[in-house]
């Protein structure tokens, strides 16, 4: 037994033999300053992004917006200068507006050409520390401007769907080579800028569409006011006119002009082109025809003078096809001249059961009016017998296209006229309309359809 008052040796406390912890290494006093500097820079960039987003989206004017976006990019990555290119998918190009002297000039490059074109094509980021050591860099611009490019940063701008809609190209960072932080900032800026740019394009498209619709309404108004309100009554004859404009609004027109001695002038024309310019030229042609028709006896002279007037008063590329006929109701004589217009048909209707109707074309005349001055125009003449009818039309009839791209053409029209020659005039015009719709199907039409028909009853 252990002596009284003494604990067994095995239960005595032992002093710890563990070593004292080693002293922590001294921290670099500049490290905290660097961290604070980077944090401060990030805060500044974040604030710039927020401010840039507000500024960029404050206007939908693309010309005002793009310089703001570029300025935000160059200031925040400390670049000396830069260019913001946008991608034109339809032309497979990138484009930008730059100052040349005092003027803002648009420059365009093919996608794939140069550093910016390459980025637009591939979506890769390009960081170059020394431009003249990189074979992808083209020094020609430096040579032309006297500028010295050192470092280059080129990054894509993507929209929310990941599609490349533009390219940033920044030059000569003030504090050294561009780095990944600069790329990250441009990517963040792109997210805001892409939305604003696409909204600006949508606005431009909307405004252009509104302007086009307004122009078409003006053209339709001009065109409709030139058309006869109703067909004239001529004893022993029936006359019908019909105009169906397509969406584009062409320059078709027809007119009935009463002359001395009970005669009637029948006019059908088609101006080259669409929209307001075509409608205005047709208005000129309409006024000129009515003016000259009252004072000239010879139809060829009338058209020659109209041709000279149109040539003097319009652009060299503007002209019109025109067919003009003068009806002498008492004799059934129809004298005409054809100025480059699709030849109308005289449909000879035999008595019922005696055979198929015969068709004659009316081609005598000359070239379209307005193409060149001093051109002579021949005249032709036919005599309409009872039950015969004349069918005048513009090329919107025979050039009506189906979904396969085929045209209706003259043979189909002639067959239609022969098959319905025994019907009254309204039904003949209706059957031609039905034939056009059946042939074209759902294919959109690009030209007006205008028809004039005249039948002698006795």
Protein backbone atom coordinates (compact mmCIF):
# COMPACT_ATOMS: atom_id res chain seq x y z
CA UNK A 1 0.00 0.00 0.00
CA UNK A 2 1.25 3.46 -0.80
CA UNK A 3 2.38 5.64 2.03
CA UNK A 4 -0.42 7.75 3.48
CA UNK A 5 -1.03 11.05 1.73
CA UNK A 6 0.81 10.05 -1.41
CA UNK A 7 -0.93 9.33 -4.74
CA UNK A 8 0.19 6.55 -6.94
CA UNK A 9 2.84 7.59 -9.39
CA UNK A 10 0.65 6.58 -12.31
CA UNK A 11 -1.92 9.20 -11.33
CA UNK A 12 0.46 12.16 -11.05
CA UNK A 13 -0.02 15.03 -13.54
CA UNK A 14 2.70 15.38 -16.12
CA UNK A 15 3.81 18.61 -17.66
CA UNK A 16 2.80 18.93 -21.32
CA UNK A 17 5.59 18.32 -23.73
CA UNK A 18 3.69 20.00 -26.70
CA UNK A 19 5.68 22.73 -28.50
CA UNK A 20 4.48 26.32 -28.50
CA UNK A 21 2.65 27.35 -31.74
CA UNK A 22 4.88 28.94 -34.36
CA UNK A 23 4.53 32.66 -34.92
CA UNK A 24 2.36 33.65 -38.00
CA UNK A 25 4.39 34.90 -40.99
CA UNK A 26 4.38 38.64 -41.48
CA UNK A 27 1.82 39.78 -44.10
CA UNK A 28 2.93 41.92 -47.07
CA UNK A 29 1.74 45.38 -46.11
CA UNK A 30 1.01 46.21 -49.80
CA UNK A 31 -1.32 43.21 -50.32
CA UNK A 32 -4.24 44.83 -48.54
CA UNK A 33 -3.75 48.00 -50.51
CA UNK A 34 -3.85 46.00 -53.79
CA UNK A 35 -7.02 44.18 -52.69
CA UNK A 36 -8.65 47.45 -51.75
CA UNK A 37 -7.62 48.92 -55.09
CA UNK A 38 -9.13 46.03 -57.02
CA UNK A 39 -12.30 46.16 -54.97
CA UNK A 40 -12.55 49.89 -55.52
CA UNK A 41 -12.06 49.41 -59.26
CA UNK A 42 -14.79 46.76 -59.35
CA UNK A 43 -17.16 49.07 -57.50
CA UNK A 44 -16.41 51.83 -59.98
CA UNK A 45 -17.04 49.48 -62.90
CA UNK A 46 -20.27 48.19 -61.39
CA UNK A 47 -21.45 51.76 -60.85
CA UNK A 48 -20.48 52.53 -64.44
CA UNK A 49 -22.51 49.58 -65.68
CA UNK A 50 -25.57 50.74 -63.79
CA UNK A 51 -25.10 54.30 -65.02
CA UNK A 52 -24.41 53.09 -68.56
CA UNK A 53 -27.56 50.96 -68.56
CA UNK A 54 -29.64 53.99 -67.59
CA UNK A 55 -27.92 56.22 -70.15
CA UNK A 56 -27.99 53.68 -72.96
CA UNK A 57 -31.70 52.99 -72.50
CA UNK A 58 -32.62 56.67 -72.19
CA UNK A 59 -32.76 56.99 -75.98
CA UNK A 60 -33.72 54.77 -78.88
CA UNK A 61 -31.78 56.87 -81.37
CA UNK A 62 -29.09 54.52 -82.63
CA UNK A 63 -26.74 57.32 -83.71
CA UNK A 64 -26.86 58.81 -80.21
CA UNK A 65 -26.72 55.47 -78.42
CA UNK A 66 -23.68 53.87 -80.05
CA UNK A 67 -21.17 56.60 -79.01
CA UNK A 68 -22.43 56.32 -75.42
CA UNK A 69 -21.86 52.57 -75.38
CA UNK A 70 -18.38 52.94 -76.84
CA UNK A 71 -17.44 55.71 -74.42
CA UNK A 72 -18.52 53.55 -71.47
CA UNK A 73 -16.33 50.73 -72.77
CA UNK A 74 -13.21 52.80 -73.43
CA UNK A 75 -13.35 54.75 -70.15
CA UNK A 76 -13.82 51.71 -67.95
CA UNK A 77 -11.09 49.57 -69.48
CA UNK A 78 -8.84 52.62 -69.81
CA UNK A 79 -8.48 52.25 -73.57
CA UNK A 80 -7.20 55.12 -75.68
CA UNK A 81 -9.77 54.65 -78.40
CA UNK A 82 -12.07 52.05 -79.89
CA UNK A 83 -14.73 51.09 -82.42
CA UNK A 84 -18.11 49.45 -81.97
CA UNK A 85 -19.14 47.39 -84.98
CA UNK A 86 -22.65 46.04 -85.58
CA UNK A 87 -23.38 42.91 -87.59
CA UNK A 88 -25.48 43.13 -90.77
CA UNK A 89 -26.62 39.54 -91.34
CA UNK A 90 -28.38 40.25 -94.63
CA UNK A 91 -25.19 41.58 -96.22
CA UNK A 92 -22.83 39.40 -94.16
CA UNK A 93 -20.91 42.50 -93.08
CA UNK A 94 -19.97 44.42 -89.97
CA UNK A 95 -20.39 48.18 -89.98
CA UNK A 96 -19.68 51.21 -87.84
CA UNK A 97 -19.95 54.97 -88.04
CA UNK A 98 -16.74 56.92 -87.51
CA UNK A 99 -15.80 60.57 -87.73
CA UNK A 100 -13.82 61.51 -90.82
CA UNK A 101 -13.11 65.21 -90.53
CA UNK A 102 -16.37 66.86 -89.54
CA UNK A 103 -18.59 64.15 -91.01
CA UNK A 104 -19.91 60.87 -89.61
CA UNK A 105 -19.04 58.19 -92.17
CA UNK A 106 -20.20 54.59 -92.32
CA UNK A 107 -17.52 51.94 -92.82
CA UNK A 108 -18.24 48.33 -93.70
CA UNK A 109 -16.15 45.16 -93.66
CA UNK A 110 -16.99 41.59 -94.66
CA UNK A 111 -17.61 39.20 -91.78
CA UNK A 112 -14.39 37.23 -91.34
CA UNK A 113 -12.18 40.12 -92.50
CA UNK A 114 -9.69 41.55 -89.99
CA UNK A 115 -9.75 41.09 -86.23
CA UNK A 116 -13.28 42.44 -85.78
CA UNK A 117 -14.64 40.42 -88.69
CA UNK A 118 -13.00 37.31 -87.30
CA UNK A 119 -14.59 37.83 -83.88
CA UNK A 120 -17.97 38.48 -85.51
CA UNK A 121 -17.59 35.16 -87.30
CA UNK A 122 -16.19 33.00 -84.50
CA UNK A 123 -17.27 34.67 -81.26
CA UNK A 124 -13.76 34.38 -79.82
CA UNK A 125 -12.16 37.00 -77.56
CA UNK A 126 -8.86 38.37 -78.86
CA UNK A 127 -6.32 39.98 -76.49
CA UNK A 128 -3.12 41.17 -78.13
CA UNK A 129 -0.26 42.67 -76.10
CA UNK A 130 1.83 43.77 -79.08
CA UNK A 131 -0.18 44.30 -82.25
CA UNK A 132 2.84 44.42 -84.56
CA UNK A 133 3.95 40.98 -83.40
CA UNK A 134 0.58 39.42 -84.23
CA UNK A 135 0.11 38.29 -87.88
CA UNK A 136 -3.66 38.88 -87.63
CA UNK A 137 -3.16 42.62 -87.19
CA UNK A 138 -3.25 44.80 -90.32
CA UNK A 139 -1.05 47.91 -89.87
CA UNK A 140 -2.43 49.69 -92.96
CA UNK A 141 -4.83 51.81 -90.92
CA UNK A 142 -1.98 52.96 -88.68
CA UNK A 143 0.05 53.90 -91.74
CA UNK A 144 -2.88 55.89 -93.17
CA UNK A 145 -3.69 57.73 -89.93
CA UNK A 146 -0.30 57.99 -88.22
CA UNK A 147 -1.68 56.28 -85.13
CA UNK A 148 0.44 53.62 -83.37
CA UNK A 149 -1.50 50.61 -82.15
CA UNK A 150 0.08 48.70 -79.30
CA UNK A 151 -2.45 46.52 -77.48
CA UNK A 152 -5.80 45.34 -78.84
CA UNK A 153 -8.90 43.88 -77.23
CA UNK A 154 -11.66 42.55 -79.49
CA UNK A 155 -14.78 40.89 -78.04
CA UNK A 156 -18.20 39.89 -79.36
CA UNK A 157 -21.43 41.51 -78.26
CA UNK A 158 -24.17 38.92 -77.82
CA UNK A 159 -27.91 39.32 -77.38
CA UNK A 160 -30.03 37.35 -74.91
CA UNK A 161 -30.20 34.43 -77.37
CA UNK A 162 -26.42 34.23 -77.60
CA UNK A 163 -26.34 35.59 -81.16
CA UNK A 164 -23.47 37.92 -82.06
CA UNK A 165 -24.92 41.30 -82.95
CA UNK A 166 -21.78 43.42 -82.65
CA UNK A 167 -18.06 43.60 -81.85
CA UNK A 168 -16.04 45.82 -79.51
CA UNK A 169 -12.51 46.67 -80.61
CA UNK A 170 -10.49 48.73 -78.11
CA UNK A 171 -6.91 49.93 -78.52
CA UNK A 172 -3.97 50.83 -76.28
CA UNK A 173 -4.87 50.33 -72.64
CA UNK A 174 -3.22 53.06 -70.57
CA UNK A 175 -2.10 50.83 -67.69
CA UNK A 176 -0.66 47.91 -69.65
CA UNK A 177 -2.08 44.98 -71.63
CA UNK A 178 -5.79 44.19 -71.60
CA UNK A 179 -6.79 41.35 -69.25
CA UNK A 180 -9.66 39.00 -68.45
CA UNK A 181 -11.21 41.60 -66.17
CA UNK A 182 -11.61 43.87 -69.18
CA UNK A 183 -13.24 41.03 -71.14
CA UNK A 184 -15.64 40.37 -68.25
CA UNK A 185 -16.59 44.04 -68.10
CA UNK A 186 -17.31 44.20 -71.85
CA UNK A 187 -19.39 41.03 -71.60
CA UNK A 188 -21.45 42.60 -68.82
CA UNK A 189 -21.79 45.84 -70.78
CA UNK A 190 -22.84 43.88 -73.86
CA UNK A 191 -25.81 42.39 -72.04
CA UNK A 192 -27.22 45.89 -71.49
CA UNK A 193 -26.12 47.34 -74.82
CA UNK A 194 -27.52 44.48 -76.92
CA UNK A 195 -31.02 45.00 -75.52
CA UNK A 196 -30.90 48.74 -76.22
CA UNK A 197 -29.52 48.26 -79.75
CA UNK A 198 -32.15 45.68 -80.69
CA UNK A 199 -34.88 47.93 -79.30
CA UNK A 200 -33.51 50.78 -81.42
CA UNK A 201 -33.62 48.59 -84.53
CA UNK A 202 -37.19 47.53 -83.72
CA UNK A 203 -38.16 51.20 -83.43
CA UNK A 204 -36.48 51.99 -86.76
CA UNK A 205 -38.34 49.12 -88.44
CA UNK A 206 -41.61 50.24 -86.92
CA UNK A 207 -41.12 53.84 -88.05
CA UNK A 208 -40.07 52.71 -91.53
CA UNK A 209 -43.15 50.51 -91.74
CA UNK A 210 -45.38 53.38 -90.65
CA UNK A 211 -43.77 55.68 -93.22
CA UNK A 212 -44.22 53.07 -95.93
CA UNK A 213 -47.85 52.52 -94.98
CA UNK A 214 -48.46 56.26 -95.08
CA UNK A 215 -46.79 56.45 -98.49
CA UNK A 216 -48.94 53.59 -99.75
CA UNK A 217 -52.06 55.30 -98.46
CA UNK A 218 -51.09 58.47 -100.30
CA UNK A 219 -50.41 56.48 -103.46
CA UNK A 220 -53.70 54.62 -103.17
CA UNK A 221 -55.50 57.92 -102.70
CA UNK A 222 -53.88 59.41 -105.79
CA UNK A 223 -54.60 56.31 -107.81
CA UNK A 224 -58.21 55.95 -106.77
CA UNK A 225 -59.01 59.63 -107.42
CA UNK A 226 -57.83 59.25 -111.01
CA UNK A 227 -60.12 56.32 -111.76
CA UNK A 228 -63.57 56.96 -113.26
CA UNK A 229 -66.34 57.05 -110.69
CA UNK A 230 -68.59 55.10 -113.07
CA UNK A 231 -68.53 53.79 -116.61
CA UNK A 232 -70.07 56.08 -119.25
CA UNK A 233 -73.29 55.32 -121.06
CA UNK A 234 -72.76 55.04 -124.81
CA UNK A 235 -75.76 54.16 -126.95
CA UNK A 236 -75.38 50.68 -128.44
CA UNK A 237 -72.31 49.87 -126.32
CA UNK A 238 -71.40 48.67 -122.86
CA UNK A 239 -68.17 49.70 -121.06
CA UNK A 240 -66.71 48.35 -117.83
CA UNK A 241 -63.51 49.24 -115.99
CA UNK A 242 -61.98 47.47 -113.00
CA UNK A 243 -58.83 48.13 -110.95
CA UNK A 244 -57.61 45.80 -108.19
CA UNK A 245 -54.47 47.22 -106.56
CA UNK A 246 -51.93 44.90 -104.99
CA UNK A 247 -50.43 45.68 -101.60
CA UNK A 248 -47.45 47.45 -103.13
CA UNK A 249 -49.63 49.89 -105.10
CA UNK A 250 -48.56 50.14 -108.69
CA UNK A 251 -49.23 52.77 -111.30
CA UNK A 252 -52.17 51.28 -113.21
CA UNK A 253 -54.88 53.55 -114.47
CA UNK A 254 -57.73 53.63 -116.96
CA UNK A 255 -59.93 56.45 -118.19
CA UNK A 256 -62.92 57.25 -120.40
CA UNK A 257 -62.69 60.66 -122.12
CA UNK A 258 -65.61 62.10 -124.08
CA UNK A 259 -64.61 63.79 -127.33
CA UNK A 260 -66.43 65.93 -129.86
CA UNK A 261 -68.96 64.31 -132.17
CA UNK A 262 -70.03 61.64 -129.67
CA UNK A 263 -66.69 59.86 -129.84
CA UNK A 264 -65.04 58.30 -126.78
CA UNK A 265 -61.37 57.87 -125.95
CA UNK A 266 -60.52 54.79 -123.88
CA UNK A 267 -57.17 54.80 -122.09
CA UNK A 268 -55.33 52.17 -120.07
CA UNK A 269 -51.80 52.62 -118.74
CA UNK A 270 -49.22 51.14 -116.41
CA UNK A 271 -46.36 53.16 -114.92
CA UNK A 272 -43.09 51.42 -114.10
CA UNK A 273 -42.51 51.09 -110.36
CA UNK A 274 -44.69 51.27 -107.27
CA UNK A 275 -45.74 53.64 -104.53
CA UNK A 276 -46.00 57.43 -104.58
CA UNK A 277 -43.53 58.03 -107.50
CA UNK A 278 -45.53 55.71 -109.77
CA UNK A 279 -48.83 57.24 -108.66
CA UNK A 280 -47.52 60.78 -109.30
CA UNK A 281 -46.28 59.85 -112.77
CA UNK A 282 -49.66 58.33 -113.53
CA UNK A 283 -51.31 61.56 -112.37
CA UNK A 284 -49.06 63.48 -114.83
CA UNK A 285 -49.95 61.05 -117.59
CA UNK A 286 -53.66 61.31 -116.80
CA UNK A 287 -53.59 65.12 -116.92
CA UNK A 288 -51.51 65.18 -120.09
CA UNK A 289 -53.83 62.76 -121.91
CA UNK A 290 -56.93 64.78 -121.02
CA UNK A 291 -55.24 68.02 -122.03
CA UNK A 292 -53.98 66.87 -125.42
CA UNK A 293 -57.06 64.80 -126.26
CA UNK A 294 -59.25 67.89 -126.53
CA UNK A 295 -57.15 69.61 -129.18
CA UNK A 296 -55.64 66.92 -131.39
CA UNK A 297 -57.37 65.01 -134.19
CA UNK A 298 -54.67 62.49 -135.05
CA UNK A 299 -54.19 59.87 -132.29
CA UNK A 300 -50.54 59.24 -133.19
CA UNK A 301 -49.79 62.95 -132.73
CA UNK A 302 -51.53 62.96 -129.34
CA UNK A 303 -49.40 60.11 -128.02
CA UNK A 304 -46.19 61.58 -129.49
CA UNK A 305 -46.80 64.85 -127.66
CA UNK A 306 -47.72 63.05 -124.44
CA UNK A 307 -44.49 61.08 -124.76
CA UNK A 308 -42.43 64.27 -125.10
CA UNK A 309 -44.16 65.84 -122.10
CA UNK A 310 -43.59 62.80 -119.85
CA UNK A 311 -39.95 62.61 -120.94
CA UNK A 312 -39.37 66.29 -120.07
CA UNK A 313 -41.14 66.20 -116.72
CA UNK A 314 -39.88 62.93 -115.19
CA UNK A 315 -36.72 61.08 -114.34
CA UNK A 316 -34.97 59.27 -117.16
CA UNK A 317 -35.78 55.88 -115.63
CA UNK A 318 -39.52 56.58 -115.38
CA UNK A 319 -41.84 55.60 -118.20
CA UNK A 320 -45.28 54.11 -118.78
CA UNK A 321 -46.91 51.67 -121.14
CA UNK A 322 -50.06 53.09 -122.63
CA UNK A 323 -52.88 51.98 -124.91
CA UNK A 324 -55.28 54.59 -126.28
CA UNK A 325 -58.28 53.92 -128.51
CA UNK A 326 -60.95 56.20 -129.95
CA UNK A 327 -64.41 54.73 -130.57
CA UNK A 328 -66.71 56.08 -133.25
CA UNK A 329 -70.03 54.64 -131.99
CA UNK A 330 -72.01 55.12 -135.21
CA UNK A 331 -69.66 53.05 -137.36
CA UNK A 332 -68.07 50.79 -134.72
CA UNK A 333 -64.62 52.02 -135.79
CA UNK A 334 -62.03 51.74 -133.05
CA UNK A 335 -58.79 53.57 -133.89
CA UNK A 336 -55.88 52.96 -131.55
CA UNK A 337 -52.18 53.26 -130.81
CA UNK A 338 -50.22 50.99 -128.49
CA UNK A 339 -47.26 52.51 -126.62
CA UNK A 340 -45.50 49.38 -125.40
CA UNK A 341 -48.60 48.05 -123.62
CA UNK A 342 -49.75 44.40 -123.55
CA UNK A 343 -51.80 44.16 -126.77
CA UNK A 344 -55.54 44.21 -126.07
CA UNK A 345 -57.86 41.68 -127.70
CA UNK A 346 -60.73 42.17 -130.08
CA UNK A 347 -62.91 39.10 -129.60
CA UNK A 348 -65.08 38.33 -132.62
CA UNK A 349 -68.22 36.58 -131.46
CA UNK A 350 -69.98 34.51 -134.14
CA UNK A 351 -73.67 33.71 -133.98
CA UNK A 352 -74.47 30.94 -131.48
CA UNK A 353 -73.60 27.51 -132.83
CA UNK A 354 -71.57 28.75 -135.82
CA UNK A 355 -68.08 28.24 -134.40
CA UNK A 356 -65.46 29.35 -131.92
CA UNK A 357 -64.84 33.07 -131.28
CA UNK A 358 -61.83 34.53 -133.10
CA UNK A 359 -59.31 36.77 -131.34
CA UNK A 360 -57.33 39.63 -132.86
CA UNK A 361 -54.58 41.60 -131.11
CA UNK A 362 -54.01 45.35 -131.35
CA UNK A 363 -50.24 45.97 -131.55
CA UNK A 364 -49.65 49.03 -133.78
CA UNK A 365 -47.99 51.90 -131.96
CA UNK A 366 -44.49 52.45 -130.59
CA UNK A 367 -42.34 52.38 -127.47
CA UNK A 368 -43.55 53.22 -123.92
CA UNK A 369 -44.06 56.92 -123.30
CA UNK A 370 -41.33 58.83 -121.48
CA UNK A 371 -38.38 56.73 -122.61
CA UNK A 372 -37.07 59.12 -125.31
CA UNK A 373 -38.36 62.22 -127.09
CA UNK A 374 -39.35 62.67 -130.70
CA UNK A 375 -40.66 59.13 -131.23
CA UNK A 376 -43.38 58.55 -133.87
CA UNK A 377 -46.40 56.37 -133.07
CA UNK A 378 -48.35 54.36 -135.62
CA UNK A 379 -52.08 53.88 -135.42
CA UNK A 380 -54.25 50.90 -136.20
CA UNK A 381 -57.97 50.49 -136.71
CA UNK A 382 -60.60 47.77 -136.37
CA UNK A 383 -64.36 47.71 -136.90
CA UNK A 384 -66.42 46.20 -134.11
CA UNK A 385 -69.39 44.16 -135.24
CA UNK A 386 -72.45 43.60 -133.06
CA UNK A 387 -71.62 41.25 -130.11
CA UNK A 388 -67.86 41.78 -130.56
CA UNK A 389 -65.99 42.99 -127.52
CA UNK A 390 -62.62 44.58 -126.80
CA UNK A 391 -60.66 43.47 -123.74
CA UNK A 392 -57.87 45.74 -122.45
CA UNK A 393 -55.65 44.78 -119.51
CA UNK A 394 -52.38 45.54 -117.72
CA UNK A 395 -49.58 43.03 -117.25
CA UNK A 396 -50.82 42.26 -113.73
CA UNK A 397 -53.25 39.90 -115.47
CA UNK A 398 -50.88 37.86 -117.64
CA UNK A 399 -47.98 38.09 -115.17
CA UNK A 400 -50.01 36.83 -112.22
CA UNK A 401 -47.82 34.16 -110.60
CA UNK A 402 -48.62 30.91 -108.84
CA UNK A 403 -46.71 29.39 -105.94
CA UNK A 404 -44.34 27.62 -108.36
CA UNK A 405 -43.34 30.96 -109.89
CA UNK A 406 -45.13 30.33 -113.21
CA UNK A 407 -47.03 33.15 -114.94
CA UNK A 408 -50.59 32.98 -116.19
CA UNK A 409 -49.49 34.32 -119.64
CA UNK A 410 -51.47 35.18 -122.76
CA UNK A 411 -52.54 31.69 -123.86
CA UNK A 412 -54.48 31.02 -120.68
CA UNK A 413 -56.13 34.46 -120.87
CA UNK A 414 -57.11 33.93 -124.51
CA UNK A 415 -58.61 30.54 -123.70
CA UNK A 416 -60.60 32.09 -120.85
CA UNK A 417 -61.94 34.88 -123.08
CA UNK A 418 -62.98 32.41 -125.76
CA UNK A 419 -64.75 30.15 -123.28
CA UNK A 420 -66.85 32.95 -121.81
CA UNK A 421 -67.32 35.11 -124.93
CA UNK A 422 -71.07 34.45 -124.99
CA UNK A 423 -71.60 35.84 -121.49
CA UNK A 424 -72.51 39.42 -120.68
CA UNK A 425 -69.62 41.81 -120.08
CA UNK A 426 -69.79 41.76 -116.26
CA UNK A 427 -69.54 37.99 -116.22
CA UNK A 428 -66.63 37.99 -118.68
CA UNK A 429 -64.63 40.27 -116.39
CA UNK A 430 -65.67 38.13 -113.41
CA UNK A 431 -64.52 34.92 -115.13
CA UNK A 432 -61.10 36.44 -115.83
CA UNK A 433 -60.82 37.33 -112.13
CA UNK A 434 -61.76 33.77 -111.18
CA UNK A 435 -59.15 32.41 -113.60
CA UNK A 436 -56.44 34.59 -112.04
CA UNK A 437 -57.34 33.55 -108.48
CA UNK A 438 -57.55 29.86 -109.41
CA UNK A 439 -54.16 30.01 -111.11
CA UNK A 440 -52.34 32.08 -108.48
CA UNK A 441 -53.71 30.23 -105.44
CA UNK A 442 -52.20 31.62 -102.23
CA UNK A 443 -49.19 33.23 -103.93
CA UNK A 444 -48.93 36.97 -103.15
CA UNK A 445 -49.19 39.24 -106.19
CA UNK A 446 -46.76 42.09 -106.89
CA UNK A 447 -48.71 44.10 -109.44
CA UNK A 448 -52.10 45.72 -109.88
CA UNK A 449 -54.74 44.02 -112.00
CA UNK A 450 -56.60 46.42 -114.27
CA UNK A 451 -59.14 45.49 -116.95
CA UNK A 452 -61.35 47.46 -119.31
CA UNK A 453 -63.95 45.79 -121.51
CA UNK A 454 -66.18 47.26 -124.22
CA UNK A 455 -68.89 45.44 -126.16
CA UNK A 456 -70.95 46.53 -129.13
CA UNK A 457 -74.54 45.39 -128.81
CA UNK A 458 -75.99 46.60 -132.13
